Amino acid sequence: MQESDLFSQLGQRKQQQSELVDTVNKHYGDYVFNSDGAVTTSESVYFPIKEGVLAGYWLDTDAADYQSLEGKTLSSIENLYFFVFTPQQMQELILDADEEEE
């Protein structure tokens, strides 16, 4: 794979991530960070989106922020920084983590 192809893919992923974050901010202001179904690692906490246009997607936040997020709505948190993972990306993350533990 050529370097230009890698940069193109990286640019596409950044654009997709930006669009997903915008969609979350637009449609999920009342989303409550809830530990039900959350997946916690040493660095991140992944919160599942269970309904709406992004049902099946996951929000990824820093594990250090977990205590201050739980039980709050997305729109009530200033300067919230998060990533959005597609169901496929989350599956890959979980599978990769399982393989590393073995």
C-alpha atoms as a PDB file:
ATOM      1  CA  MET A   1       0.000   0.000   0.000  1.00  0.00           C
ATOM      2  CA  GLN A   2       1.359   3.396  -0.941  1.00  0.00           C
ATOM      3  CA  GLU A   3       1.825   6.218   1.519  1.00  0.00           C
ATOM      4  CA  SER A   4      -0.708   8.362  -0.336  1.00  0.00           C
ATOM      5  CA  ASP A   5      -3.299   5.585   0.077  1.00  0.00           C
ATOM      6  CA  LEU A   6      -2.646   5.480   3.819  1.00  0.00           C
ATOM      7  CA  PHE A   7      -3.083   9.231   4.145  1.00  0.00           C
ATOM      8  CA  SER A   8      -6.264   9.032   2.087  1.00  0.00           C
ATOM      9  CA  GLN A   9      -7.688   6.327   4.374  1.00  0.00           C
ATOM     10  CA  LEU A  10      -6.675   8.301   7.454  1.00  0.00           C
ATOM     11  CA  GLY A  11      -8.387  11.387   6.078  1.00  0.00           C
ATOM     12  CA  GLN A  12     -11.551   9.394   5.370  1.00  0.00           C
ATOM     13  CA  ARG A  13     -11.575   7.974   8.905  1.00  0.00           C
ATOM     14  CA  LYS A  14     -11.122  11.425  10.440  1.00  0.00           C
ATOM     15  CA  GLN A  15     -13.967  12.757   8.295  1.00  0.00           C
ATOM     16  CA  GLN A  16     -16.215   9.822   9.260  1.00  0.00           C
ATOM     17  CA  GLN A  17     -15.345  10.283  12.951  1.00  0.00           C
ATOM     18  CA  SER A  18     -16.139  13.991  12.743  1.00  0.00           C
ATOM     19  CA  GLU A  19     -19.499  13.252  11.117  1.00  0.00           C
ATOM     20  CA  LEU A  20     -20.340  10.628  13.769  1.00  0.00           C
ATOM     21  CA  VAL A  21     -19.441  13.004  16.610  1.00  0.00           C
ATOM     22  CA  ASP A  22     -21.606  15.705  14.992  1.00  0.00           C
ATOM     23  CA  THR A  23     -24.496  13.229  14.709  1.00  0.00           C
ATOM     24  CA  VAL A  24     -24.169  12.290  18.391  1.00  0.00           C
ATOM     25  CA  ASN A  25     -24.126  15.938  19.430  1.00  0.00           C
ATOM     26  CA  LYS A  26     -27.142  16.685  17.224  1.00  0.00           C
ATOM     27  CA  HIS A  27     -29.348  13.715  18.137  1.00  0.00           C
ATOM     28  CA  TYR A  28     -28.217  12.545  21.561  1.00  0.00           C
ATOM     29  CA  GLY A  29     -28.224  15.565  23.871  1.00  0.00           C
ATOM     30  CA  ASP A  30     -30.401  13.589  26.298  1.00  0.00           C
ATOM     31  CA  TYR A  31     -28.159  10.501  26.149  1.00  0.00           C
ATOM     32  CA  VAL A  32     -27.373   9.434  29.720  1.00  0.00           C
ATOM     33  CA  PHE A  33     -23.993   7.893  30.399  1.00  0.00           C
ATOM     34  CA  ASN A  34     -25.000   4.688  32.121  1.00  0.00           C
ATOM     35  CA  SER A  35     -22.873   1.826  33.365  1.00  0.00           C
ATOM     36  CA  ASP A  36     -25.461  -0.687  32.089  1.00  0.00           C
ATOM     37  CA  GLY A  37     -23.698  -2.438  29.218  1.00  0.00           C
ATOM     38  CA  ALA A  38     -20.577  -0.272  29.423  1.00  0.00           C
ATOM     39  CA  VAL A  39     -17.242  -1.928  28.665  1.00  0.00           C
ATOM     40  CA  THR A  40     -14.332  -0.682  30.750  1.00  0.00           C
ATOM     41  CA  THR A  41     -10.635  -1.038  29.959  1.00  0.00           C
ATOM     42  CA  SER A  42      -7.636   0.472  31.719  1.00  0.00           C
ATOM     43  CA  GLU A  43      -7.744   3.495  29.390  1.00  0.00           C
ATOM     44  CA  SER A  44     -11.322   3.836  28.149  1.00  0.00           C
ATOM     45  CA  VAL A  45     -14.962   3.304  28.934  1.00  0.00           C
ATOM     46  CA  TYR A  46     -17.212   2.380  26.016  1.00  0.00           C
ATOM     47  CA  PHE A  47     -20.894   3.276  26.379  1.00  0.00           C
ATOM     48  CA  PRO A  48     -23.418   1.585  24.070  1.00  0.00           C
ATOM     49  CA  ILE A  49     -25.980   3.646  22.166  1.00  0.00           C
ATOM     50  CA  LYS A  50     -29.124   1.552  22.316  1.00  0.00           C
ATOM     51  CA  GLU A  51     -31.629   3.559  20.296  1.00  0.00           C
ATOM     52  CA  GLY A  52     -32.026   6.206  17.612  1.00  0.00           C
ATOM     53  CA  VAL A  53     -30.093   6.797  14.414  1.00  0.00           C
ATOM     54  CA  LEU A  54     -26.845   5.368  15.849  1.00  0.00           C
ATOM     55  CA  ALA A  55     -28.245   2.349  17.694  1.00  0.00           C
ATOM     56  CA  GLY A  56     -25.481  -0.220  17.990  1.00  0.00           C
ATOM     57  CA  TYR A  57     -22.707   2.358  17.990  1.00  0.00           C
ATOM     58  CA  TRP A  58     -20.519   3.066  21.019  1.00  0.00           C
ATOM     59  CA  LEU A  59     -19.154   6.221  22.668  1.00  0.00           C
ATOM     60  CA  ASP A  60     -15.569   5.965  23.881  1.00  0.00           C
ATOM     61  CA  THR A  61     -14.456   8.233  26.710  1.00  0.00           C
ATOM     62  CA  ASP A  62     -11.368   8.359  28.881  1.00  0.00           C
ATOM     63  CA  ALA A  63     -11.556   6.022  31.875  1.00  0.00           C
ATOM     64  CA  ALA A  64     -10.349   8.852  34.125  1.00  0.00           C
ATOM     65  CA  ASP A  65     -13.530  10.799  33.260  1.00  0.00           C
ATOM     66  CA  TYR A  66     -15.877   7.917  34.036  1.00  0.00           C
ATOM     67  CA  GLN A  67     -16.867   9.000  37.556  1.00  0.00           C
ATOM     68  CA  SER A  68     -17.765  12.507  36.397  1.00  0.00           C
ATOM     69  CA  LEU A  69     -19.813  11.243  33.425  1.00  0.00           C
ATOM     70  CA  GLU A  70     -21.941   8.470  34.862  1.00  0.00           C
ATOM     71  CA  GLY A  71     -25.577   9.465  35.229  1.00  0.00           C
ATOM     72  CA  LYS A  72     -25.205  12.771  33.358  1.00  0.00           C
ATOM     73  CA  THR A  73     -26.699  13.666  30.009  1.00  0.00           C
ATOM     74  CA  LEU A  74     -24.416  14.373  27.094  1.00  0.00           C
ATOM     75  CA  SER A  75     -25.689  17.940  26.676  1.00  0.00           C
ATOM     76  CA  SER A  76     -24.987  18.807  30.316  1.00  0.00           C
ATOM     77  CA  ILE A  77     -21.246  18.081  30.109  1.00  0.00           C
ATOM     78  CA  GLU A  78     -19.024  20.927  28.981  1.00  0.00           C
ATOM     79  CA  ASN A  79     -15.985  20.182  26.820  1.00  0.00           C
ATOM     80  CA  LEU A  80     -16.846  16.495  26.516  1.00  0.00           C
ATOM     81  CA  TYR A  81     -14.360  14.733  24.268  1.00  0.00           C
ATOM     82  CA  PHE A  82     -15.261  11.324  22.895  1.00  0.00           C
ATOM     83  CA  PHE A  83     -14.876   9.014  19.938  1.00  0.00           C
ATOM     84  CA  VAL A  84     -17.660   7.073  18.247  1.00  0.00           C
ATOM     85  CA  PHE A  85     -17.114   3.457  17.270  1.00  0.00           C
ATOM     86  CA  THR A  86     -19.199   1.582  14.731  1.00  0.00           C
ATOM     87  CA  PRO A  87     -20.500  -1.854  15.733  1.00  0.00           C
ATOM     88  CA  GLN A  88     -17.825  -3.443  13.506  1.00  0.00           C
ATOM     89  CA  GLN A  89     -15.003  -1.396  15.066  1.00  0.00           C
ATOM     90  CA  MET A  90     -16.208  -2.291  18.546  1.00  0.00           C
ATOM     91  CA  GLN A  91     -16.343  -5.976  17.640  1.00  0.00           C
ATOM     92  CA  GLU A  92     -12.752  -5.747  16.364  1.00  0.00           C
ATOM     93  CA  LEU A  93     -11.671  -4.000  19.579  1.00  0.00           C
ATOM     94  CA  ILE A  94     -13.256  -6.692  21.747  1.00  0.00           C
ATOM     95  CA  LEU A  95     -11.814  -9.514  19.627  1.00  0.00           C
ATOM     96  CA  ASP A  96      -8.344  -7.918  19.667  1.00  0.00           C
ATOM     97  CA  ALA A  97      -8.497  -7.528  23.448  1.00  0.00           C
ATOM     98  CA  ASP A  98      -9.582 -11.157  23.874  1.00  0.00           C
ATOM     99  CA  GLU A  99      -6.710 -12.350  21.667  1.00  0.00           C
ATOM    100  CA  GLU A 100      -4.152 -10.284  23.604  1.00  0.00           C
ATOM    101  CA  GLU A 101      -5.272 -11.805  26.919  1.00  0.00           C
ATOM    102  CA  GLU A 102      -4.722 -15.364  25.679  1.00  0.00           C
END
